[in-house]
């Protein structure tokens, strides 16, 4: 039971990440004179600032989950926890993807550095997704802490097969 739950979450995160890469290929093929010239400094600065804002949002609201009600049966608590984890993971994926989507629009609007505009924005989005949204032990434990904050155990980490310590980060891989 552990591997399918973790694999499903990993596949969902990887699907979002693959889409960012796929859009990069589309941009490269769609822009006739695509070169690797850098865009204006204000564009790069805006992308980095947007990345910082999305990182703050992911940290501030991305790991929030309604706690499991004390007295909930263990199986129902785990099921609730898995559903809430998935919801929070999708929120973090969407927030992380904003930089890539805005960069995609900019790539078709700007006249210089179009391809690099998307590559920079896509790279920022991929980094955000890998850190905040991919179901690592750290992210699973953060959601579990939110779920368990009312005192009822959700057993989310156990359902994902995440044990104790850093060596268990990807136990199911």
Protein backbone atom coordinates (compact mmCIF):
# COMPACT_ATOMS: atom_id res chain seq x y z
CA UNK A 1 0.00 0.00 0.00
CA UNK A 2 2.86 2.39 0.71
CA UNK A 3 4.47 2.42 -2.72
CA UNK A 4 1.31 3.18 -4.74
CA UNK A 5 0.44 6.19 -2.55
CA UNK A 6 3.91 7.66 -2.83
CA UNK A 7 4.20 6.83 -6.52
CA UNK A 8 0.87 8.50 -7.29
CA UNK A 9 1.92 11.72 -5.56
CA UNK A 10 5.34 11.64 -7.22
CA UNK A 11 3.80 11.07 -10.66
CA UNK A 12 1.43 14.00 -10.18
CA UNK A 13 4.29 16.32 -9.24
CA UNK A 14 6.43 15.05 -12.10
CA UNK A 15 3.54 15.60 -14.55
CA UNK A 16 3.43 19.28 -13.58
CA UNK A 17 7.21 19.53 -13.84
CA UNK A 18 7.24 17.82 -17.25
CA UNK A 19 4.67 20.31 -18.51
CA UNK A 20 7.06 23.16 -17.73
CA UNK A 21 9.76 21.44 -19.79
CA UNK A 22 7.28 20.71 -22.60
CA UNK A 23 6.29 24.36 -22.77
CA UNK A 24 9.97 25.22 -23.12
CA UNK A 25 10.20 22.97 -26.18
CA UNK A 26 7.08 24.62 -27.62
CA UNK A 27 8.57 28.08 -27.07
CA UNK A 28 11.83 27.03 -28.73
CA UNK A 29 9.97 25.67 -31.76
CA UNK A 30 7.43 28.50 -31.97
CA UNK A 31 9.78 31.47 -31.98
CA UNK A 32 11.34 31.62 -35.45
CA UNK A 33 14.55 33.45 -34.53
CA UNK A 34 14.99 32.10 -31.01
CA UNK A 35 18.43 32.90 -29.67
CA UNK A 36 20.04 32.65 -26.28
CA UNK A 37 20.25 36.40 -25.74
CA UNK A 38 19.34 37.45 -22.22
CA UNK A 39 16.24 39.58 -21.73
CA UNK A 40 16.42 43.01 -20.12
CA UNK A 41 17.55 43.12 -16.51
CA UNK A 42 14.12 44.27 -15.30
CA UNK A 43 12.57 41.11 -16.79
CA UNK A 44 15.01 38.84 -14.97
CA UNK A 45 14.58 40.88 -11.79
CA UNK A 46 10.81 40.55 -12.09
CA UNK A 47 11.07 36.80 -12.56
CA UNK A 48 13.32 36.41 -9.52
CA UNK A 49 11.01 38.65 -7.47
CA UNK A 50 8.00 36.59 -8.59
CA UNK A 51 9.88 33.44 -7.60
CA UNK A 52 10.54 34.85 -4.14
CA UNK A 53 6.88 35.85 -3.76
CA UNK A 54 5.75 32.36 -4.80
CA UNK A 55 8.24 30.77 -2.39
CA UNK A 56 6.85 32.89 0.45
CA UNK A 57 3.28 31.98 -0.53
CA UNK A 58 4.15 28.28 -0.74
CA UNK A 59 5.69 28.47 2.73
CA UNK A 60 2.89 30.56 4.22
CA UNK A 61 -0.21 28.87 2.83
CA UNK A 62 0.97 25.82 0.90
CA UNK A 63 1.37 23.52 3.88
CA UNK A 64 -1.79 24.51 5.73
CA UNK A 65 -4.36 21.80 6.16
CA UNK A 66 -7.43 21.55 8.35
CA UNK A 67 -6.42 19.38 11.32
CA UNK A 68 -7.88 15.93 11.78
CA UNK A 69 -10.62 16.03 14.39
CA UNK A 70 -9.69 14.26 17.64
CA UNK A 71 -11.57 10.98 17.98
CA UNK A 72 -11.53 10.25 14.24
CA UNK A 73 -10.94 6.53 13.57
CA UNK A 74 -7.34 5.86 12.43
CA UNK A 75 -8.25 4.64 8.92
CA UNK A 76 -10.52 7.62 8.30
CA UNK A 77 -7.88 10.00 9.69
CA UNK A 78 -5.28 8.59 7.29
CA UNK A 79 -7.70 8.79 4.36
CA UNK A 80 -8.56 12.40 5.25
CA UNK A 81 -4.87 13.21 5.60
CA UNK A 82 -4.05 11.78 2.18
CA UNK A 83 -6.81 13.82 0.56
CA UNK A 84 -5.69 17.02 2.30
CA UNK A 85 -2.07 16.33 1.38
CA UNK A 86 -3.03 16.00 -2.26
CA UNK A 87 -4.98 19.26 -2.14
CA UNK A 88 -2.09 21.12 -0.54
CA UNK A 89 0.40 19.60 -3.00
CA UNK A 90 -1.67 20.76 -5.97
CA UNK A 91 -1.86 24.25 -4.47
CA UNK A 92 1.93 24.33 -4.11
CA UNK A 93 2.39 23.03 -7.66
CA UNK A 94 0.08 25.69 -9.08
CA UNK A 95 1.73 28.48 -7.10
CA UNK A 96 5.15 27.29 -8.26
CA UNK A 97 4.01 27.19 -11.88
CA UNK A 98 2.92 30.83 -11.99
CA UNK A 99 6.43 32.08 -12.80
CA UNK A 100 6.67 29.74 -15.81
CA UNK A 101 3.24 30.73 -17.12
CA UNK A 102 3.96 34.46 -16.87
CA UNK A 103 7.34 33.85 -18.51
CA UNK A 104 5.60 31.96 -21.31
CA UNK A 105 3.40 34.98 -22.02
CA UNK A 106 6.42 37.30 -21.85
CA UNK A 107 8.34 35.09 -24.30
CA UNK A 108 5.76 35.87 -26.98
CA UNK A 109 5.43 39.57 -26.09
CA UNK A 110 9.08 40.59 -25.77
CA UNK A 111 11.24 41.25 -28.80
CA UNK A 112 14.61 40.34 -27.24
CA UNK A 113 15.64 37.31 -25.23
CA UNK A 114 12.39 35.45 -25.75
CA UNK A 115 13.72 31.93 -25.30
CA UNK A 116 15.88 32.84 -22.32
CA UNK A 117 12.91 34.60 -20.73
CA UNK A 118 11.04 31.31 -20.65
CA UNK A 119 14.11 29.26 -19.70
CA UNK A 120 14.79 31.46 -16.68
CA UNK A 121 11.14 31.48 -15.57
CA UNK A 122 10.78 27.76 -16.20
CA UNK A 123 13.94 27.06 -14.22
CA UNK A 124 12.65 29.10 -11.29
CA UNK A 125 9.34 27.23 -11.42
CA UNK A 126 11.05 23.84 -11.55
CA UNK A 127 13.20 24.74 -8.55
CA UNK A 128 10.11 25.85 -6.61
CA UNK A 129 8.24 22.67 -7.53
CA UNK A 130 11.15 20.44 -6.56
CA UNK A 131 11.58 22.14 -3.19
CA UNK A 132 8.01 22.92 -2.14
CA UNK A 133 5.73 20.52 -4.00
CA UNK A 134 7.51 17.24 -4.72
CA UNK A 135 6.40 14.74 -2.05
CA UNK A 136 9.67 14.52 -0.14
CA UNK A 137 9.87 13.45 3.49
CA UNK A 138 10.25 17.10 4.51
CA UNK A 139 7.09 18.19 2.69
CA UNK A 140 5.08 15.18 3.87
CA UNK A 141 6.09 15.84 7.48
CA UNK A 142 5.15 19.53 7.21
CA UNK A 143 1.64 18.65 6.02
CA UNK A 144 1.42 15.92 8.67
CA UNK A 145 2.32 18.44 11.38
CA UNK A 146 -0.52 20.66 10.20
CA UNK A 147 -2.94 17.72 10.12
CA UNK A 148 -1.91 16.55 13.60
CA UNK A 149 -2.05 20.01 15.20
CA UNK A 150 -5.40 19.33 16.93
CA UNK A 151 -3.98 16.26 18.65
CA UNK A 152 -5.35 13.48 16.42
CA UNK A 153 -2.68 11.49 14.54
CA UNK A 154 -3.14 11.39 10.76
CA UNK A 155 -0.32 8.89 10.19
CA UNK A 156 0.41 10.58 6.86
CA UNK A 157 4.16 9.92 6.94
CA UNK A 158 3.49 6.29 7.77
CA UNK A 159 1.07 6.00 4.83
CA UNK A 160 3.78 7.34 2.52
CA UNK A 161 6.41 5.05 4.00
CA UNK A 162 8.47 7.90 5.40
CA UNK A 163 10.37 6.75 8.45
CA UNK A 164 12.56 8.70 10.83
CA UNK A 165 15.69 10.53 9.80
CA UNK A 166 17.16 11.81 6.54
CA UNK A 167 18.00 8.36 5.16
CA UNK A 168 14.29 7.60 4.86
CA UNK A 169 13.52 10.54 2.59
CA UNK A 170 12.65 8.34 -0.37
CA UNK A 171 12.20 4.98 1.27
CA UNK A 172 9.82 3.79 -1.46
CA UNK A 173 12.17 4.61 -4.34
